[in-house]
Amino acid sequence: MKKYNGLLAEIAREFHIEQGEAESMERWKARIVYSLLGRMAYASLYDHLEEDEELPEDNQSEIMARLNRYNKAKVQIAKKLQRLIL
C-alpha cells in the first residue's frame, strides 16, 4: 500500500493537487485519480490517427462520442484503483 500512496503523493505534487483542510484522505485520493484520468482523456484527443483511421466528417460528434467512452472507462478505472489503494 505504501507504494501506491507514494505514487498518488507524487502525482498530487506534480499536478499541484493539495488536500483540503477538511477533506478526508479517501476523497483526496479519489480527486487525484479523477484529475489524472481527466487529463489523460483530454490529452488523448490530440493523439495521432492510426494508418487505417480516417477523420470523421462531423468532428464535434466524434469528440463527444470519444469523451463519453473515456468517461465510462474513467469510472471503471477509478473503481479498480480505489480497490487497490484503499
C-alpha atoms as a PDB file:
ATOM      1  CA  MET A   1       0.000   0.000   0.000  1.00  0.00           C
ATOM      2  CA  LYS A   2       2.819   2.425   0.750  1.00  0.00           C
ATOM      3  CA  LYS A   3       3.983   2.129  -2.841  1.00  0.00           C
ATOM      4  CA  TYR A   4       0.574   3.299  -4.130  1.00  0.00           C
ATOM      5  CA  ASN A   5       0.316   6.072  -1.565  1.00  0.00           C
ATOM      6  CA  GLY A   6       3.741   7.289  -2.669  1.00  0.00           C
ATOM      7  CA  LEU A   7       2.624   7.224  -6.293  1.00  0.00           C
ATOM      8  CA  LEU A   8      -0.502   9.241  -5.533  1.00  0.00           C
ATOM      9  CA  ALA A   9       1.505  11.727  -3.480  1.00  0.00           C
ATOM     10  CA  GLU A  10       3.925  12.152  -6.384  1.00  0.00           C
ATOM     11  CA  ILE A  11       1.057  12.722  -8.838  1.00  0.00           C
ATOM     12  CA  ALA A  12      -0.520  15.206  -6.426  1.00  0.00           C
ATOM     13  CA  ARG A  13       2.750  17.153  -6.166  1.00  0.00           C
ATOM     14  CA  GLU A  14       3.288  17.159  -9.914  1.00  0.00           C
ATOM     15  CA  PHE A  15      -0.209  18.472 -10.649  1.00  0.00           C
ATOM     16  CA  HIS A  16      -0.480  20.716  -7.563  1.00  0.00           C
ATOM     17  CA  ILE A  17      -3.449  18.840  -6.069  1.00  0.00           C
ATOM     18  CA  GLU A  18      -3.358  19.690  -2.380  1.00  0.00           C
ATOM     19  CA  GLN A  19      -5.529  18.049   0.231  1.00  0.00           C
ATOM     20  CA  GLY A  20      -8.149  20.374   1.659  1.00  0.00           C
ATOM     21  CA  GLU A  21      -8.137  21.061   5.384  1.00  0.00           C
ATOM     22  CA  ALA A  22     -11.468  19.290   5.936  1.00  0.00           C
ATOM     23  CA  GLU A  23     -11.005  16.769   3.107  1.00  0.00           C
ATOM     24  CA  SER A  24     -10.683  13.103   4.046  1.00  0.00           C
ATOM     25  CA  MET A  25      -7.736  11.101   2.753  1.00  0.00           C
ATOM     26  CA  GLU A  26     -10.106   8.916   0.726  1.00  0.00           C
ATOM     27  CA  ARG A  27     -11.732  11.903  -1.027  1.00  0.00           C
ATOM     28  CA  TRP A  28      -8.328  13.446  -1.717  1.00  0.00           C
ATOM     29  CA  LYS A  29      -7.036  10.224  -3.297  1.00  0.00           C
ATOM     30  CA  ALA A  30     -10.184   9.937  -5.390  1.00  0.00           C
ATOM     31  CA  ARG A  31      -9.728  13.541  -6.558  1.00  0.00           C
ATOM     32  CA  ILE A  32      -6.123  12.818  -7.563  1.00  0.00           C
ATOM     33  CA  VAL A  33      -7.152   9.781  -9.608  1.00  0.00           C
ATOM     34  CA  TYR A  34     -10.114  11.613 -11.170  1.00  0.00           C
ATOM     35  CA  SER A  35      -7.911  14.582 -12.117  1.00  0.00           C
ATOM     36  CA  LEU A  36      -5.261  12.373 -13.657  1.00  0.00           C
ATOM     37  CA  LEU A  37      -7.792  10.404 -15.696  1.00  0.00           C
ATOM     38  CA  GLY A  38      -9.398  13.619 -16.921  1.00  0.00           C
ATOM     39  CA  ARG A  39      -6.050  14.929 -18.088  1.00  0.00           C
ATOM     40  CA  MET A  40      -5.297  11.671 -19.855  1.00  0.00           C
ATOM     41  CA  ALA A  41      -8.666  11.728 -21.643  1.00  0.00           C
ATOM     42  CA  TYR A  42      -8.152  15.338 -22.713  1.00  0.00           C
ATOM     43  CA  ALA A  43      -4.625  14.603 -23.958  1.00  0.00           C
ATOM     44  CA  SER A  44      -5.852  11.625 -25.968  1.00  0.00           C
ATOM     45  CA  LEU A  45      -7.952  13.944 -28.097  1.00  0.00           C
ATOM     46  CA  TYR A  46      -4.679  15.059 -29.651  1.00  0.00           C
ATOM     47  CA  ASP A  47      -3.445  11.527 -30.389  1.00  0.00           C
ATOM     48  CA  HIS A  48      -2.400  10.891 -33.960  1.00  0.00           C
ATOM     49  CA  LEU A  49      -4.656   8.806 -36.134  1.00  0.00           C
ATOM     50  CA  GLU A  50      -3.613   5.250 -36.899  1.00  0.00           C
ATOM     51  CA  GLU A  51      -2.903   4.404 -40.534  1.00  0.00           C
ATOM     52  CA  ASP A  52      -6.304   2.824 -41.134  1.00  0.00           C
ATOM     53  CA  GLU A  53      -8.308   5.546 -39.350  1.00  0.00           C
ATOM     54  CA  GLU A  54      -9.986   8.435 -41.110  1.00  0.00           C
ATOM     55  CA  LEU A  55     -11.065  11.779 -39.794  1.00  0.00           C
ATOM     56  CA  PRO A  56     -14.801  11.802 -39.134  1.00  0.00           C
ATOM     57  CA  GLU A  57     -16.889  14.214 -41.164  1.00  0.00           C
ATOM     58  CA  ASP A  58     -18.578  15.588 -38.073  1.00  0.00           C
ATOM     59  CA  ASN A  59     -15.634  16.174 -35.763  1.00  0.00           C
ATOM     60  CA  GLN A  60     -17.717  17.522 -32.868  1.00  0.00           C
ATOM     61  CA  SER A  61     -19.917  14.428 -32.618  1.00  0.00           C
ATOM     62  CA  GLU A  62     -16.864  12.167 -32.778  1.00  0.00           C
ATOM     63  CA  ILE A  63     -15.187  14.119 -29.994  1.00  0.00           C
ATOM     64  CA  MET A  64     -18.330  13.869 -27.858  1.00  0.00           C
ATOM     65  CA  ALA A  65     -18.561  10.115 -28.502  1.00  0.00           C
ATOM     66  CA  ARG A  66     -14.906   9.710 -27.598  1.00  0.00           C
ATOM     67  CA  LEU A  67     -15.328  11.735 -24.400  1.00  0.00           C
ATOM     68  CA  ASN A  68     -18.330   9.620 -23.422  1.00  0.00           C
ATOM     69  CA  ARG A  69     -16.267   6.453 -23.889  1.00  0.00           C
ATOM     70  CA  TYR A  70     -13.472   7.934 -21.758  1.00  0.00           C
ATOM     71  CA  ASN A  71     -15.953   8.915 -19.057  1.00  0.00           C
ATOM     72  CA  LYS A  72     -17.220   5.341 -18.842  1.00  0.00           C
ATOM     73  CA  ALA A  73     -13.687   3.969 -18.806  1.00  0.00           C
ATOM     74  CA  LYS A  74     -12.637   6.553 -16.219  1.00  0.00           C
ATOM     75  CA  VAL A  75     -15.303   5.347 -13.793  1.00  0.00           C
ATOM     76  CA  GLN A  76     -14.241   1.725 -14.218  1.00  0.00           C
ATOM     77  CA  ILE A  77     -10.555   2.565 -13.787  1.00  0.00           C
ATOM     78  CA  ALA A  78     -11.244   4.714 -10.725  1.00  0.00           C
ATOM     79  CA  LYS A  79     -13.177   1.861  -9.076  1.00  0.00           C
ATOM     80  CA  LYS A  80     -10.317  -0.578  -9.729  1.00  0.00           C
ATOM     81  CA  LEU A  81      -7.739   1.889  -8.423  1.00  0.00           C
ATOM     82  CA  GLN A  82      -9.833   2.564  -5.352  1.00  0.00           C
ATOM     83  CA  ARG A  83      -9.824  -1.161  -4.535  1.00  0.00           C
ATOM     84  CA  LEU A  84      -6.037  -1.234  -4.946  1.00  0.00           C
ATOM     85  CA  ILE A  85      -5.312   1.923  -2.969  1.00  0.00           C
ATOM     86  CA  LEU A  86      -7.815   1.832  -0.141  1.00  0.00           C
END
